[in-house]
Amino acid sequence: VQLQASGGGLVQAGGSLRLSCAASGGTFSVYAMGWFRQAPGKEREFVAFISRGGGTTYYADSVKGRFTISRNNPQKTVYLQMGSLKPEDTAVYYCAASTVSPGSISTTTRNYAYWGQGTQVTVSS
């Protein structure tokens, strides 16, 4: 499956952005999906997870209550709605697809086989 992330940009602190990740070339609904981010000089870190059917979501503590992950399987798209953005949210955001076992939640990069190209989010203070 190929993933294409979009929706990044420059926003002021306190603002909102919605990232999208469109999938092609595979059966989208067989994959759990995740969003990760990587700031300059830092390791890639987990942001949010959503199960195949969308019924289970999980967030990093740093974004809980501010970000919402969702998916539309017929449209083969996963979203990350980001609100109350902070300068420390500045990073390149990546979507990724995982074949983690149903019922499991994956927060580690090694469990994700397919990655999008990343979209830059910059939050100014």
PDB file of N, CA and C in Angstrom:
ATOM      1  N   VAL A   1       0.843  -1.176   0.000  1.00  0.00           N
ATOM      2  CA  VAL A   1       0.000   0.000   0.000  1.00  0.00           C
ATOM      3  C   VAL A   1       0.892   1.243   0.000  1.00  0.00           C
ATOM      4  N   GLN A   2       0.472   2.256  -0.769  1.00  0.00           N
ATOM      5  CA  GLN A   2       1.189   3.530  -0.791  1.00  0.00           C
ATOM      6  C   GLN A   2       0.394   4.570  -0.016  1.00  0.00           C
ATOM      7  N   LEU A   3       1.101   5.408   0.727  1.00  0.00           N
ATOM      8  CA  LEU A   3       0.465   6.405   1.580  1.00  0.00           C
ATOM      9  C   LEU A   3       0.950   7.794   1.197  1.00  0.00           C
ATOM     10  N   GLN A   4       0.029   8.736   1.145  1.00  0.00           N
ATOM     11  CA  GLN A   4       0.341  10.114   0.785  1.00  0.00           C
ATOM     12  C   GLN A   4      -0.262  11.030   1.840  1.00  0.00           C
ATOM     13  N   ALA A   5       0.609  11.659   2.628  1.00  0.00           N
ATOM     14  CA  ALA A   5       0.154  12.577   3.672  1.00  0.00           C
ATOM     15  C   ALA A   5       0.080  13.998   3.129  1.00  0.00           C
ATOM     16  N   SER A   6      -0.877  14.751   3.651  1.00  0.00           N
ATOM     17  CA  SER A   6      -1.030  16.142   3.242  1.00  0.00           C
ATOM     18  C   SER A   6      -1.694  16.924   4.364  1.00  0.00           C
ATOM     19  N   GLY A   7      -1.728  18.252   4.192  1.00  0.00           N
ATOM     20  CA  GLY A   7      -2.446  19.086   5.143  1.00  0.00           C
ATOM     21  C   GLY A   7      -1.582  19.865   6.104  1.00  0.00           C
ATOM     22  N   GLY A   8      -0.286  19.652   6.058  1.00  0.00           N
ATOM     23  CA  GLY A   8       0.597  20.385   6.946  1.00  0.00           C
ATOM     24  C   GLY A   8       0.680  21.849   6.548  1.00  0.00           C
ATOM     25  N   GLY A   9       1.324  22.635   7.415  1.00  0.00           N
ATOM     26  CA  GLY A   9       1.476  24.045   7.119  1.00  0.00           C
ATOM     27  C   GLY A   9       1.966  24.804   8.328  1.00  0.00           C
ATOM     28  N   LEU A  10       1.889  26.118   8.226  1.00  0.00           N
ATOM     29  CA  LEU A  10       2.316  27.009   9.303  1.00  0.00           C
ATOM     30  C   LEU A  10       1.074  27.536  10.013  1.00  0.00           C
ATOM     31  N   VAL A  11       1.050  27.418  11.324  1.00  0.00           N
ATOM     32  CA  VAL A  11      -0.099  27.856  12.105  1.00  0.00           C
ATOM     33  C   VAL A  11       0.402  28.486  13.398  1.00  0.00           C
ATOM     34  N   GLN A  12      -0.371  29.422  13.913  1.00  0.00           N
ATOM     35  CA  GLN A  12      -0.004  30.047  15.186  1.00  0.00           C
ATOM     36  C   GLN A  12      -0.375  29.143  16.351  1.00  0.00           C
ATOM     37  N   ALA A  13       0.319  29.310  17.445  1.00  0.00           N
ATOM     38  CA  ALA A  13       0.001  28.556  18.647  1.00  0.00           C
ATOM     39  C   ALA A  13      -1.468  28.761  19.017  1.00  0.00           C
ATOM     40  N   GLY A  14      -2.101  27.670  19.401  1.00  0.00           N
ATOM     41  CA  GLY A  14      -3.523  27.700  19.700  1.00  0.00           C
ATOM     42  C   GLY A  14      -4.412  27.378  18.523  1.00  0.00           C
ATOM     43  N   GLY A  15      -3.828  27.326  17.344  1.00  0.00           N
ATOM     44  CA  GLY A  15      -4.592  27.061  16.141  1.00  0.00           C
ATOM     45  C   GLY A  15      -4.819  25.584  15.892  1.00  0.00           C
ATOM     46  N   SER A  16      -5.411  25.298  14.718  1.00  0.00           N
ATOM     47  CA  SER A  16      -5.776  23.928  14.366  1.00  0.00           C
ATOM     48  C   SER A  16      -5.319  23.603  12.953  1.00  0.00           C
ATOM     49  N   LEU A  17      -5.108  22.321  12.722  1.00  0.00           N
ATOM     50  CA  LEU A  17      -4.824  21.794  11.391  1.00  0.00           C
ATOM     51  C   LEU A  17      -5.422  20.405  11.296  1.00  0.00           C
ATOM     52  N   ARG A  18      -5.774  20.009  10.093  1.00  0.00           N
ATOM     53  CA  ARG A  18      -6.198  18.625   9.876  1.00  0.00           C
ATOM     54  C   ARG A  18      -5.288  18.000   8.827  1.00  0.00           C
ATOM     55  N   LEU A  19      -4.624  16.952   9.219  1.00  0.00           N
ATOM     56  CA  LEU A  19      -3.799  16.188   8.302  1.00  0.00           C
ATOM     57  C   LEU A  19      -4.618  15.051   7.694  1.00  0.00           C
ATOM     58  N   SER A  20      -4.307  14.743   6.448  1.00  0.00           N
ATOM     59  CA  SER A  20      -4.946  13.623   5.760  1.00  0.00           C
ATOM     60  C   SER A  20      -3.874  12.682   5.250  1.00  0.00           C
ATOM     61  N   CYS A  21      -4.232  11.440   5.142  1.00  0.00           N
ATOM     62  CA  CYS A  21      -3.330  10.432   4.590  1.00  0.00           C
ATOM     63  C   CYS A  21      -4.159   9.531   3.703  1.00  0.00           C
ATOM     64  N   ALA A  22      -3.905   9.611   2.405  1.00  0.00           N
ATOM     65  CA  ALA A  22      -4.648   8.825   1.427  1.00  0.00           C
ATOM     66  C   ALA A  22      -3.855   7.579   1.052  1.00  0.00           C
ATOM     67  N   ALA A  23      -4.534   6.459   1.032  1.00  0.00           N
ATOM     68  CA  ALA A  23      -3.903   5.192   0.694  1.00  0.00           C
ATOM     69  C   ALA A  23      -4.298   4.757  -0.712  1.00  0.00           C
ATOM     70  N   SER A  24      -3.380   4.051  -1.359  1.00  0.00           N
ATOM     71  CA  SER A  24      -3.669   3.497  -2.673  1.00  0.00           C
ATOM     72  C   SER A  24      -2.902   2.197  -2.830  1.00  0.00           C
ATOM     73  N   GLY A  25      -3.348   1.374  -3.760  1.00  0.00           N
ATOM     74  CA  GLY A  25      -2.606   0.164  -4.099  1.00  0.00           C
ATOM     75  C   GLY A  25      -2.771  -0.994  -3.153  1.00  0.00           C
ATOM     76  N   GLY A  26      -3.727  -0.952  -2.279  1.00  0.00           N
ATOM     77  CA  GLY A  26      -3.925  -2.057  -1.357  1.00  0.00           C
ATOM     78  C   GLY A  26      -5.306  -2.013  -0.756  1.00  0.00           C
ATOM     79  N   THR A  27      -5.570  -2.984   0.132  1.00  0.00           N
ATOM     80  CA  THR A  27      -6.846  -3.015   0.830  1.00  0.00           C
ATOM     81  C   THR A  27      -6.680  -2.263   2.136  1.00  0.00           C
ATOM     82  N   PHE A  28      -7.150  -1.043   2.169  1.00  0.00           N
ATOM     83  CA  PHE A  28      -6.901  -0.130   3.285  1.00  0.00           C
ATOM     84  C   PHE A  28      -7.416  -0.686   4.603  1.00  0.00           C
ATOM     85  N   SER A  29      -8.569  -1.321   4.558  1.00  0.00           N
ATOM     86  CA  SER A  29      -9.223  -1.730   5.795  1.00  0.00           C
ATOM     87  C   SER A  29      -8.522  -2.868   6.525  1.00  0.00           C
ATOM     88  N   VAL A  30      -7.526  -3.492   5.911  1.00  0.00           N
ATOM     89  CA  VAL A  30      -6.816  -4.563   6.621  1.00  0.00           C
ATOM     90  C   VAL A  30      -5.712  -4.012   7.508  1.00  0.00           C
ATOM     91  N   TYR A  31      -5.468  -2.712   7.415  1.00  0.00           N
ATOM     92  CA  TYR A  31      -4.375  -2.100   8.162  1.00  0.00           C
ATOM     93  C   TYR A  31      -4.884  -1.242   9.312  1.00  0.00           C
ATOM     94  N   ALA A  32      -4.271  -1.421  10.468  1.00  0.00           N
ATOM     95  CA  ALA A  32      -4.370  -0.405  11.492  1.00  0.00           C
ATOM     96  C   ALA A  32      -3.472   0.749  11.056  1.00  0.00           C
ATOM     97  N   MET A  33      -3.796   1.946  11.498  1.00  0.00           N
ATOM     98  CA  MET A  33      -3.062   3.117  11.038  1.00  0.00           C
ATOM     99  C   MET A  33      -2.526   3.922  12.213  1.00  0.00           C
ATOM    100  N   GLY A  34      -1.421   4.577  11.959  1.00  0.00           N
ATOM    101  CA  GLY A  34      -0.837   5.423  12.997  1.00  0.00           C
ATOM    102  C   GLY A  34      -0.286   6.702  12.415  1.00  0.00           C
ATOM    103  N   TRP A  35      -0.164   7.677  13.291  1.00  0.00           N
ATOM    104  CA  TRP A  35       0.540   8.920  12.962  1.00  0.00           C
ATOM    105  C   TRP A  35       1.751   9.019  13.889  1.00  0.00           C
ATOM    106  N   PHE A  36       2.864   9.411  13.311  1.00  0.00           N
ATOM    107  CA  PHE A  36       4.092   9.655  14.046  1.00  0.00           C
ATOM    108  C   PHE A  36       4.601  11.040  13.670  1.00  0.00           C
ATOM    109  N   ARG A  37       5.548  11.533  14.425  1.00  0.00           N
ATOM    110  CA  ARG A  37       6.158  12.818  14.089  1.00  0.00           C
ATOM    111  C   ARG A  37       7.640  12.803  14.444  1.00  0.00           C
ATOM    112  N   GLN A  38       8.371  13.639  13.737  1.00  0.00           N
ATOM    113  CA  GLN A  38       9.806  13.726  13.981  1.00  0.00           C
ATOM    114  C   GLN A  38      10.240  15.174  13.899  1.00  0.00           C
ATOM    115  N   ALA A  39      10.734  15.670  15.015  1.00  0.00           N
ATOM    116  CA  ALA A  39      11.259  17.027  15.068  1.00  0.00           C
ATOM    117  C   ALA A  39      12.751  16.987  14.753  1.00  0.00           C
ATOM    118  N   PRO A  40      13.322  18.103  14.317  1.00  0.00           N
ATOM    119  CA  PRO A  40      14.751  18.135  13.985  1.00  0.00           C
ATOM    120  C   PRO A  40      15.607  17.679  15.153  1.00  0.00           C
ATOM    121  N   GLY A  41      16.515  16.745  14.871  1.00  0.00           N
ATOM    122  CA  GLY A  41      17.431  16.270  15.893  1.00  0.00           C
ATOM    123  C   GLY A  41      16.839  15.292  16.884  1.00  0.00           C
ATOM    124  N   LYS A  42      15.587  14.898  16.656  1.00  0.00           N
ATOM    125  CA  LYS A  42      14.931  13.973  17.579  1.00  0.00           C
ATOM    126  C   LYS A  42      14.507  12.714  16.853  1.00  0.00           C
ATOM    127  N   GLU A  43      14.236  11.673  17.634  1.00  0.00           N
ATOM    128  CA  GLU A  43      13.759  10.427  17.051  1.00  0.00           C
ATOM    129  C   GLU A  43      12.281  10.558  16.674  1.00  0.00           C
ATOM    130  N   ARG A  44      11.876   9.714  15.748  1.00  0.00           N
ATOM    131  CA  ARG A  44      10.476   9.683  15.368  1.00  0.00           C
ATOM    132  C   ARG A  44       9.666   9.151  16.552  1.00  0.00           C
ATOM    133  N   GLU A  45       8.560   9.827  16.852  1.00  0.00           N
ATOM    134  CA  GLU A  45       7.768   9.431  18.006  1.00  0.00           C
ATOM    135  C   GLU A  45       6.315   9.203  17.629  1.00  0.00           C
ATOM    136  N   PHE A  46       5.698   8.325  18.398  1.00  0.00           N
ATOM    137  CA  PHE A  46       4.299   7.983  18.199  1.00  0.00           C
ATOM    138  C   PHE A  46       3.396   9.150  18.571  1.00  0.00           C
ATOM    139  N   VAL A  47       2.332   9.327  17.786  1.00  0.00           N
ATOM    140  CA  VAL A  47       1.343  10.360  18.068  1.00  0.00           C
ATOM    141  C   VAL A  47      -0.034   9.748  18.322  1.00  0.00           C
ATOM    142  N   ALA A  48      -0.515   8.926  17.373  1.00  0.00           N
ATOM    143  CA  ALA A  48      -1.875   8.403  17.497  1.00  0.00           C
ATOM    144  C   ALA A  48      -2.015   7.111  16.715  1.00  0.00           C
ATOM    145  N   PHE A  49      -2.958   6.284  17.171  1.00  0.00           N
ATOM    146  CA  PHE A  49      -3.236   4.979  16.563  1.00  0.00           C
ATOM    147  C   PHE A  49      -4.736   4.813  16.383  1.00  0.00           C
ATOM    148  N   ILE A  50      -5.123   4.136  15.295  1.00  0.00           N
ATOM    149  CA  ILE A  50      -6.520   3.780  15.101  1.00  0.00           C
ATOM    150  C   ILE A  50      -6.592   2.374  14.539  1.00  0.00           C
ATOM    151  N   SER A  51      -7.533   1.604  15.048  1.00  0.00           N
ATOM    152  CA  SER A  51      -7.680   0.218  14.620  1.00  0.00           C
ATOM    153  C   SER A  51      -8.314   0.129  13.238  1.00  0.00           C
ATOM    154  N   ARG A  52      -8.371  -1.091  12.700  1.00  0.00           N
ATOM    155  CA  ARG A  52      -8.852  -1.291  11.341  1.00  0.00           C
ATOM    156  C   ARG A  52     -10.255  -0.730  11.117  1.00  0.00           C
ATOM    157  N   GLY A  53     -11.130  -0.972  12.047  1.00  0.00           N
ATOM    158  CA  GLY A  53     -12.505  -0.509  11.897  1.00  0.00           C
ATOM    159  C   GLY A  53     -12.752   0.871  12.473  1.00  0.00           C
ATOM    160  N   GLY A  54     -11.750   1.425  13.135  1.00  0.00           N
ATOM    161  CA  GLY A  54     -11.879   2.749  13.734  1.00  0.00           C
ATOM    162  C   GLY A  54     -12.435   2.764  15.139  1.00  0.00           C
ATOM    163  N   GLY A  55     -12.730   1.581  15.676  1.00  0.00           N
ATOM    164  CA  GLY A  55     -13.361   1.542  16.983  1.00  0.00           C
ATOM    165  C   GLY A  55     -12.424   1.750  18.157  1.00  0.00           C
ATOM    166  N   THR A  56     -11.140   1.603  17.908  1.00  0.00           N
ATOM    167  CA  THR A  56     -10.149   1.789  18.969  1.00  0.00           C
ATOM    168  C   THR A  56      -9.147   2.854  18.549  1.00  0.00           C
ATOM    169  N   THR A  57      -8.933   3.803  19.418  1.00  0.00           N
ATOM    170  CA  THR A  57      -7.930   4.833  19.198  1.00  0.00           C
ATOM    171  C   THR A  57      -7.041   4.936  20.429  1.00  0.00           C
ATOM    172  N   TYR A  58      -5.850   5.440  20.213  1.00  0.00           N
ATOM    173  CA  TYR A  58      -4.888   5.574  21.316  1.00  0.00           C
ATOM    174  C   TYR A  58      -3.969   6.731  20.990  1.00  0.00           C
ATOM    175  N   TYR A  59      -3.608   7.505  22.022  1.00  0.00           N
ATOM    176  CA  TYR A  59      -2.833   8.720  21.804  1.00  0.00           C
ATOM    177  C   TYR A  59      -1.620   8.783  22.733  1.00  0.00           C
ATOM    178  N   ALA A  60      -0.605   9.460  22.245  1.00  0.00           N
ATOM    179  CA  ALA A  60       0.499   9.816  23.127  1.00  0.00           C
ATOM    180  C   ALA A  60      -0.016  10.806  24.161  1.00  0.00           C
ATOM    181  N   ASP A  61       0.539  10.739  25.344  1.00  0.00           N
ATOM    182  CA  ASP A  61       0.096  11.638  26.410  1.00  0.00           C
ATOM    183  C   ASP A  61       0.235  13.102  26.010  1.00  0.00           C
ATOM    184  N   SER A  62       1.238  13.400  25.199  1.00  0.00           N
ATOM    185  CA  SER A  62       1.519  14.785  24.831  1.00  0.00           C
ATOM    186  C   SER A  62       0.440  15.401  23.945  1.00  0.00           C
ATOM    187  N   VAL A  63      -0.375  14.577  23.321  1.00  0.00           N
ATOM    188  CA  VAL A  63      -1.408  15.112  22.415  1.00  0.00           C
ATOM    189  C   VAL A  63      -2.821  14.747  22.849  1.00  0.00           C
ATOM    190  N   LYS A  64      -2.942  13.943  23.890  1.00  0.00           N
ATOM    191  CA  LYS A  64      -4.259  13.495  24.338  1.00  0.00           C
ATOM    192  C   LYS A  64      -5.129  14.687  24.696  1.00  0.00           C
ATOM    193  N   GLY A  65      -6.350  14.670  24.190  1.00  0.00           N
ATOM    194  CA  GLY A  65      -7.274  15.766  24.441  1.00  0.00           C
ATOM    195  C   GLY A  65      -7.166  16.904  23.455  1.00  0.00           C
ATOM    196  N   ARG A  66      -6.109  16.913  22.633  1.00  0.00           N
ATOM    197  CA  ARG A  66      -5.932  17.971  21.644  1.00  0.00           C
ATOM    198  C   ARG A  66      -6.027  17.442  20.218  1.00  0.00           C
ATOM    199  N   PHE A  67      -5.605  16.202  20.007  1.00  0.00           N
ATOM    200  CA  PHE A  67      -5.604  15.594  18.680  1.00  0.00           C
ATOM    201  C   PHE A  67      -6.647  14.487  18.614  1.00  0.00           C
ATOM    202  N   THR A  68      -7.205  14.299  17.411  1.00  0.00           N
ATOM    203  CA  THR A  68      -8.165  13.221  17.181  1.00  0.00           C
ATOM    204  C   THR A  68      -7.829  12.510  15.886  1.00  0.00           C
ATOM    205  N   ILE A  69      -7.675  11.206  15.976  1.00  0.00           N
ATOM    206  CA  ILE A  69      -7.436  10.396  14.785  1.00  0.00           C
ATOM    207  C   ILE A  69      -8.752   9.762  14.349  1.00  0.00           C
ATOM    208  N   SER A  70      -8.959   9.696  13.046  1.00  0.00           N
ATOM    209  CA  SER A  70     -10.161   9.063  12.510  1.00  0.00           C
ATOM    210  C   SER A  70      -9.824   8.486  11.148  1.00  0.00           C
ATOM    211  N   ARG A  71     -10.729   7.681  10.617  1.00  0.00           N
ATOM    212  CA  ARG A  71     -10.485   7.091   9.302  1.00  0.00           C
ATOM    213  C   ARG A  71     -11.798   6.904   8.564  1.00  0.00           C
ATOM    214  N   ASN A  72     -11.694   6.882   7.249  1.00  0.00           N
ATOM    215  CA  ASN A  72     -12.825   6.625   6.369  1.00  0.00           C
ATOM    216  C   ASN A  72     -12.385   5.505   5.438  1.00  0.00           C
ATOM    217  N   ASN A  73     -12.793   4.289   5.738  1.00  0.00           N
ATOM    218  CA  ASN A  73     -12.309   3.139   4.963  1.00  0.00           C
ATOM    219  C   ASN A  73     -12.755   3.144   3.504  1.00  0.00           C
ATOM    220  N   PRO A  74     -14.010   3.473   3.201  1.00  0.00           N
ATOM    221  CA  PRO A  74     -14.382   3.522   1.774  1.00  0.00           C
ATOM    222  C   PRO A  74     -13.540   4.522   0.985  1.00  0.00           C
ATOM    223  N   GLN A  75     -13.141   5.621   1.632  1.00  0.00           N
ATOM    224  CA  GLN A  75     -12.321   6.623   0.956  1.00  0.00           C
ATOM    225  C   GLN A  75     -10.832   6.383   1.147  1.00  0.00           C
ATOM    226  N   LYS A  76     -10.484   5.322   1.868  1.00  0.00           N
ATOM    227  CA  LYS A  76      -9.086   4.938   2.085  1.00  0.00           C
ATOM    228  C   LYS A  76      -8.260   6.097   2.631  1.00  0.00           C
ATOM    229  N   THR A  77      -8.784   6.753   3.629  1.00  0.00           N
ATOM    230  CA  THR A  77      -8.109   7.923   4.182  1.00  0.00           C
ATOM    231  C   THR A  77      -8.136   7.877   5.705  1.00  0.00           C
ATOM    232  N   VAL A  78      -7.029   8.300   6.304  1.00  0.00           N
ATOM    233  CA  VAL A  78      -6.962   8.481   7.745  1.00  0.00           C
ATOM    234  C   VAL A  78      -6.646   9.954   8.004  1.00  0.00           C
ATOM    235  N   TYR A  79      -7.217  10.472   9.076  1.00  0.00           N
ATOM    236  CA  TYR A  79      -7.082  11.883   9.390  1.00  0.00           C
ATOM    237  C   TYR A  79      -6.456  12.073  10.773  1.00  0.00           C
ATOM    238  N   LEU A  80      -5.845  13.220  10.944  1.00  0.00           N
ATOM    239  CA  LEU A  80      -5.402  13.635  12.269  1.00  0.00           C
ATOM    240  C   LEU A  80      -5.830  15.088  12.452  1.00  0.00           C
ATOM    241  N   GLN A  81      -6.859  15.273  13.252  1.00  0.00           N
ATOM    242  CA  GLN A  81      -7.323  16.616  13.581  1.00  0.00           C
ATOM    243  C   GLN A  81      -6.514  17.106  14.775  1.00  0.00           C
ATOM    244  N   MET A  82      -5.821  18.220  14.582  1.00  0.00           N
ATOM    245  CA  MET A  82      -4.948  18.749  15.618  1.00  0.00           C
ATOM    246  C   MET A  82      -5.471  20.094  16.091  1.00  0.00           C
ATOM    247  N   GLY A  83      -5.653  20.242  17.391  1.00  0.00           N
ATOM    248  CA  GLY A  83      -6.130  21.485  17.948  1.00  0.00           C
ATOM    249  C   GLY A  83      -5.244  21.947  19.090  1.00  0.00           C
ATOM    250  N   SER A  84      -5.457  23.186  19.509  1.00  0.00           N
ATOM    251  CA  SER A  84      -4.661  23.786  20.599  1.00  0.00           C
ATOM    252  C   SER A  84      -3.178  23.542  20.368  1.00  0.00           C
ATOM    253  N   LEU A  85      -2.762  23.810  19.159  1.00  0.00           N
ATOM    254  CA  LEU A  85      -1.386  23.493  18.781  1.00  0.00           C
ATOM    255  C   LEU A  85      -0.380  24.324  19.560  1.00  0.00           C
ATOM    256  N   LYS A  86       0.742  23.688  19.831  1.00  0.00           N
ATOM    257  CA  LYS A  86       1.823  24.307  20.596  1.00  0.00           C
ATOM    258  C   LYS A  86       3.095  24.313  19.751  1.00  0.00           C
ATOM    259  N   PRO A  87       4.016  25.218  20.036  1.00  0.00           N
ATOM    260  CA  PRO A  87       5.284  25.203  19.279  1.00  0.00           C
ATOM    261  C   PRO A  87       5.992  23.851  19.338  1.00  0.00           C
ATOM    262  N   GLU A  88       5.850  23.141  20.430  1.00  0.00           N
ATOM    263  CA  GLU A  88       6.513  21.836  20.544  1.00  0.00           C
ATOM    264  C   GLU A  88       5.857  20.759  19.681  1.00  0.00           C
ATOM    265  N   ASP A  89       4.735  21.076  19.042  1.00  0.00           N
ATOM    266  CA  ASP A  89       4.138  20.155  18.082  1.00  0.00           C
ATOM    267  C   ASP A  89       4.793  20.264  16.708  1.00  0.00           C
ATOM    268  N   THR A  90       5.680  21.211  16.539  1.00  0.00           N
ATOM    269  CA  THR A  90       6.367  21.395  15.269  1.00  0.00           C
ATOM    270  C   THR A  90       7.190  20.167  14.925  1.00  0.00           C
ATOM    271  N   ALA A  91       6.949  19.601  13.749  1.00  0.00           N
ATOM    272  CA  ALA A  91       7.626  18.374  13.322  1.00  0.00           C
ATOM    273  C   ALA A  91       7.150  18.015  11.925  1.00  0.00           C
ATOM    274  N   VAL A  92       7.814  17.042  11.351  1.00  0.00           N
ATOM    275  CA  VAL A  92       7.291  16.380  10.160  1.00  0.00           C
ATOM    276  C   VAL A  92       6.403  15.236  10.645  1.00  0.00           C
ATOM    277  N   TYR A  93       5.186  15.210  10.146  1.00  0.00           N
ATOM    278  CA  TYR A  93       4.213  14.204  10.560  1.00  0.00           C
ATOM    279  C   TYR A  93       4.102  13.135   9.475  1.00  0.00           C
ATOM    280  N   TYR A  94       4.143  11.882   9.927  1.00  0.00           N
ATOM    281  CA  TYR A  94       4.092  10.739   9.040  1.00  0.00           C
ATOM    282  C   TYR A  94       2.884   9.858   9.370  1.00  0.00           C
ATOM    283  N   CYS A  95       2.199   9.385   8.338  1.00  0.00           N
ATOM    284  CA  CYS A  95       1.209   8.347   8.550  1.00  0.00           C
ATOM    285  C   CYS A  95       1.852   7.000   8.213  1.00  0.00           C
ATOM    286  N   ALA A  96       1.317   5.957   8.812  1.00  0.00           N
ATOM    287  CA  ALA A  96       1.900   4.644   8.611  1.00  0.00           C
ATOM    288  C   ALA A  96       0.837   3.572   8.770  1.00  0.00           C
ATOM    289  N   ALA A  97       1.054   2.449   8.103  1.00  0.00           N
ATOM    290  CA  ALA A  97       0.112   1.335   8.126  1.00  0.00           C
ATOM    291  C   ALA A  97       0.740   0.133   8.806  1.00  0.00           C
ATOM    292  N   SER A  98      -0.042  -0.515   9.644  1.00  0.00           N
ATOM    293  CA  SER A  98       0.455  -1.629  10.447  1.00  0.00           C
ATOM    294  C   SER A  98      -0.418  -2.867  10.289  1.00  0.00           C
ATOM    295  N   THR A  99       0.240  -4.028  10.325  1.00  0.00           N
ATOM    296  CA  THR A  99      -0.486  -5.295  10.326  1.00  0.00           C
ATOM    297  C   THR A  99      -0.520  -5.898  11.724  1.00  0.00           C
ATOM    298  N   VAL A 100      -0.474  -5.057  12.719  1.00  0.00           N
ATOM    299  CA  VAL A 100      -0.538  -5.517  14.104  1.00  0.00           C
ATOM    300  C   VAL A 100      -1.791  -6.368  14.295  1.00  0.00           C
ATOM    301  N   SER A 101      -1.703  -7.333  15.184  1.00  0.00           N
ATOM    302  CA  SER A 101      -2.820  -8.248  15.402  1.00  0.00           C
ATOM    303  C   SER A 101      -4.074  -7.490  15.837  1.00  0.00           C
ATOM    304  N   PRO A 102      -5.228  -7.926  15.349  1.00  0.00           N
ATOM    305  CA  PRO A 102      -6.477  -7.288  15.795  1.00  0.00           C
ATOM    306  C   PRO A 102      -6.588  -7.312  17.314  1.00  0.00           C
ATOM    307  N   GLY A 103      -7.011  -6.194  17.863  1.00  0.00           N
ATOM    308  CA  GLY A 103      -7.115  -6.096  19.311  1.00  0.00           C
ATOM    309  C   GLY A 103      -5.878  -5.541  19.967  1.00  0.00           C
ATOM    310  N   SER A 104      -4.802  -5.420  19.187  1.00  0.00           N
ATOM    311  CA  SER A 104      -3.558  -4.867  19.730  1.00  0.00           C
ATOM    312  C   SER A 104      -3.415  -3.413  19.312  1.00  0.00           C
ATOM    313  N   ILE A 105      -2.645  -2.689  20.083  1.00  0.00           N
ATOM    314  CA  ILE A 105      -2.341  -1.300  19.780  1.00  0.00           C
ATOM    315  C   ILE A 105      -0.842  -1.202  19.573  1.00  0.00           C
ATOM    316  N   SER A 106      -0.432  -0.517  18.535  1.00  0.00           N
ATOM    317  CA  SER A 106       0.988  -0.415  18.240  1.00  0.00           C
ATOM    318  C   SER A 106       1.445   1.031  18.301  1.00  0.00           C
ATOM    319  N   THR A 107       2.475   1.274  19.095  1.00  0.00           N
ATOM    320  CA  THR A 107       3.032   2.617  19.223  1.00  0.00           C
ATOM    321  C   THR A 107       4.485   2.678  18.785  1.00  0.00           C
ATOM    322  N   THR A 108       5.009   1.576  18.264  1.00  0.00           N
ATOM    323  CA  THR A 108       6.417   1.539  17.893  1.00  0.00           C
ATOM    324  C   THR A 108       6.578   1.477  16.388  1.00  0.00           C
ATOM    325  N   THR A 109       7.592   2.157  15.877  1.00  0.00           N
ATOM    326  CA  THR A 109       7.771   2.246  14.439  1.00  0.00           C
ATOM    327  C   THR A 109       8.003   0.881  13.792  1.00  0.00           C
ATOM    328  N   ARG A 110       8.601  -0.038  14.516  1.00  0.00           N
ATOM    329  CA  ARG A 110       8.948  -1.324  13.902  1.00  0.00           C
ATOM    330  C   ARG A 110       7.717  -2.147  13.550  1.00  0.00           C
ATOM    331  N   ASN A 111       6.565  -1.801  14.111  1.00  0.00           N
ATOM    332  CA  ASN A 111       5.334  -2.535  13.800  1.00  0.00           C
ATOM    333  C   ASN A 111       4.579  -1.956  12.614  1.00  0.00           C
ATOM    334  N   TYR A 112       5.140  -0.954  11.976  1.00  0.00           N
ATOM    335  CA  TYR A 112       4.503  -0.301  10.838  1.00  0.00           C
ATOM    336  C   TYR A 112       5.325  -0.585   9.582  1.00  0.00           C
ATOM    337  N   ALA A 113       4.686  -1.234   8.609  1.00  0.00           N
ATOM    338  CA  ALA A 113       5.405  -1.688   7.420  1.00  0.00           C
ATOM    339  C   ALA A 113       5.424  -0.649   6.305  1.00  0.00           C
ATOM    340  N   TYR A 114       4.441   0.223   6.287  1.00  0.00           N
ATOM    341  CA  TYR A 114       4.320   1.175   5.188  1.00  0.00           C
ATOM    342  C   TYR A 114       4.221   2.594   5.751  1.00  0.00           C
ATOM    343  N   TRP A 115       4.932   3.512   5.073  1.00  0.00           N
ATOM    344  CA  TRP A 115       5.025   4.879   5.562  1.00  0.00           C
ATOM    345  C   TRP A 115       4.745   5.871   4.437  1.00  0.00           C
ATOM    346  N   GLY A 116       4.077   6.954   4.791  1.00  0.00           N
ATOM    347  CA  GLY A 116       3.929   8.064   3.872  1.00  0.00           C
ATOM    348  C   GLY A 116       5.190   8.920   3.883  1.00  0.00           C
ATOM    349  N   GLN A 117       5.191   9.934   3.059  1.00  0.00           N
ATOM    350  CA  GLN A 117       6.389  10.743   2.863  1.00  0.00           C
ATOM    351  C   GLN A 117       6.550  11.842   3.905  1.00  0.00           C
ATOM    352  N   GLY A 118       5.527  12.112   4.680  1.00  0.00           N
ATOM    353  CA  GLY A 118       5.627  13.135   5.700  1.00  0.00           C
ATOM    354  C   GLY A 118       5.110  14.478   5.236  1.00  0.00           C
ATOM    355  N   THR A 119       4.553  15.221   6.173  1.00  0.00           N
ATOM    356  CA  THR A 119       4.077  16.574   5.897  1.00  0.00           C
ATOM    357  C   THR A 119       4.512  17.468   7.062  1.00  0.00           C
ATOM    358  N   GLN A 120       5.035  18.647   6.732  1.00  0.00           N
ATOM    359  CA  GLN A 120       5.608  19.527   7.746  1.00  0.00           C
ATOM    360  C   GLN A 120       4.518  20.322   8.451  1.00  0.00           C
ATOM    361  N   VAL A 121       4.572  20.317   9.767  1.00  0.00           N
ATOM    362  CA  VAL A 121       3.709  21.152  10.598  1.00  0.00           C
ATOM    363  C   VAL A 121       4.611  22.077  11.403  1.00  0.00           C
ATOM    364  N   THR A 122       4.379  23.363  11.273  1.00  0.00           N
ATOM    365  CA  THR A 122       5.155  24.350  12.008  1.00  0.00           C
ATOM    366  C   THR A 122       4.204  25.221  12.812  1.00  0.00           C
ATOM    367  N   VAL A 123       4.425  25.275  14.112  1.00  0.00           N
ATOM    368  CA  VAL A 123       3.575  26.061  15.005  1.00  0.00           C
ATOM    369  C   VAL A 123       4.408  27.211  15.551  1.00  0.00           C
ATOM    370  N   SER A 124       3.983  28.421  15.250  1.00  0.00           N
ATOM    371  CA  SER A 124       4.720  29.601  15.700  1.00  0.00           C
ATOM    372  C   SER A 124       4.157  30.100  17.023  1.00  0.00           C
ATOM    373  N   SER A 125       5.036  30.667  17.824  1.00  0.00           N
ATOM    374  CA  SER A 125       4.612  31.153  19.150  1.00  0.00           C
ATOM    375  C   SER A 125       4.153  32.600  19.085  1.00  0.00           C
TER     376      SER A 125
END
